[in-house]
Amino acid sequence: MIRRFVDLLGRTMWDFPGSRDELGGRYLVLAHAKPLIEVHPCTFGGRR
């Protein structure tokens, strides 16, 4: 399963199980980052 994370700056990170990097498998995907207006606190660390 690929998990999606949104940090406090509204940047989107993806967690790829089995493909870990120095950040523990979380990759910043700035090109696909959601605008801050769409980021809701309850989505922090959630899956989508």
C-alpha atoms as a PDB file:
ATOM      1  CA  MET A   1       0.000   0.000   0.000  1.00  0.00           C
ATOM      2  CA  ILE A   2       1.216   3.485  -0.823  1.00  0.00           C
ATOM      3  CA  ARG A   3       0.540   5.959   1.942  1.00  0.00           C
ATOM      4  CA  ARG A   4       0.185   9.707   1.467  1.00  0.00           C
ATOM      5  CA  PHE A   5       1.317  12.292   4.007  1.00  0.00           C
ATOM      6  CA  VAL A   6       0.754  16.047   4.043  1.00  0.00           C
ATOM      7  CA  ASP A   7       3.113  18.105   6.182  1.00  0.00           C
ATOM      8  CA  LEU A   8       2.359  21.405   7.914  1.00  0.00           C
ATOM      9  CA  LEU A   9       3.446  23.340   4.813  1.00  0.00           C
ATOM     10  CA  GLY A  10       0.979  21.499   2.621  1.00  0.00           C
ATOM     11  CA  ARG A  11       3.643  19.420   0.884  1.00  0.00           C
ATOM     12  CA  THR A  12       2.699  15.893  -0.118  1.00  0.00           C
ATOM     13  CA  MET A  13       4.897  12.947   0.839  1.00  0.00           C
ATOM     14  CA  TRP A  14       4.476   9.353  -0.308  1.00  0.00           C
ATOM     15  CA  ASP A  15       5.494   6.257   1.639  1.00  0.00           C
ATOM     16  CA  PHE A  16       6.502   3.289  -0.516  1.00  0.00           C
ATOM     17  CA  PRO A  17       6.770   0.074   1.536  1.00  0.00           C
ATOM     18  CA  GLY A  18       9.793  -1.984   0.461  1.00  0.00           C
ATOM     19  CA  SER A  19      11.494   1.001  -1.175  1.00  0.00           C
ATOM     20  CA  ARG A  20      12.994   2.796   1.805  1.00  0.00           C
ATOM     21  CA  ASP A  21      15.343   5.743   1.466  1.00  0.00           C
ATOM     22  CA  GLU A  22      17.178   7.865   4.043  1.00  0.00           C
ATOM     23  CA  LEU A  23      13.864   9.457   5.008  1.00  0.00           C
ATOM     24  CA  GLY A  24      12.291   6.118   5.879  1.00  0.00           C
ATOM     25  CA  GLY A  25      10.526   5.748   2.544  1.00  0.00           C
ATOM     26  CA  ARG A  26       8.769   9.107   2.521  1.00  0.00           C
ATOM     27  CA  TYR A  27       9.343  11.040  -0.668  1.00  0.00           C
ATOM     28  CA  LEU A  28       8.489  14.709  -1.107  1.00  0.00           C
ATOM     29  CA  VAL A  29       6.317  15.193  -4.151  1.00  0.00           C
ATOM     30  CA  LEU A  30       6.372  18.961  -4.470  1.00  0.00           C
ATOM     31  CA  ALA A  31       5.033  18.913  -8.013  1.00  0.00           C
ATOM     32  CA  HIS A  32       1.848  17.275  -6.776  1.00  0.00           C
ATOM     33  CA  ALA A  33       1.526  19.264  -3.546  1.00  0.00           C
ATOM     34  CA  LYS A  34      -1.971  20.390  -2.646  1.00  0.00           C
ATOM     35  CA  PRO A  35      -2.616  24.112  -2.139  1.00  0.00           C
ATOM     36  CA  LEU A  36      -2.798  25.089   1.536  1.00  0.00           C
ATOM     37  CA  ILE A  37      -6.496  25.892   1.094  1.00  0.00           C
ATOM     38  CA  GLU A  38      -7.176  22.185   0.513  1.00  0.00           C
ATOM     39  CA  VAL A  39      -5.090  20.923   3.436  1.00  0.00           C
ATOM     40  CA  HIS A  40      -7.166  20.015   6.467  1.00  0.00           C
ATOM     41  CA  PRO A  41      -5.575  19.182   9.846  1.00  0.00           C
ATOM     42  CA  CYS A  42      -7.314  15.789   9.983  1.00  0.00           C
ATOM     43  CA  THR A  43      -5.519  14.708   6.784  1.00  0.00           C
ATOM     44  CA  PHE A  44      -2.087  15.020   8.426  1.00  0.00           C
ATOM     45  CA  GLY A  45      -0.444  11.600   8.430  1.00  0.00           C
ATOM     46  CA  GLY A  46      -3.544  10.060   6.900  1.00  0.00           C
ATOM     47  CA  ARG A  47      -3.985   7.696   3.986  1.00  0.00           C
ATOM     48  CA  ARG A  48      -5.606   8.454   0.669  1.00  0.00           C
END
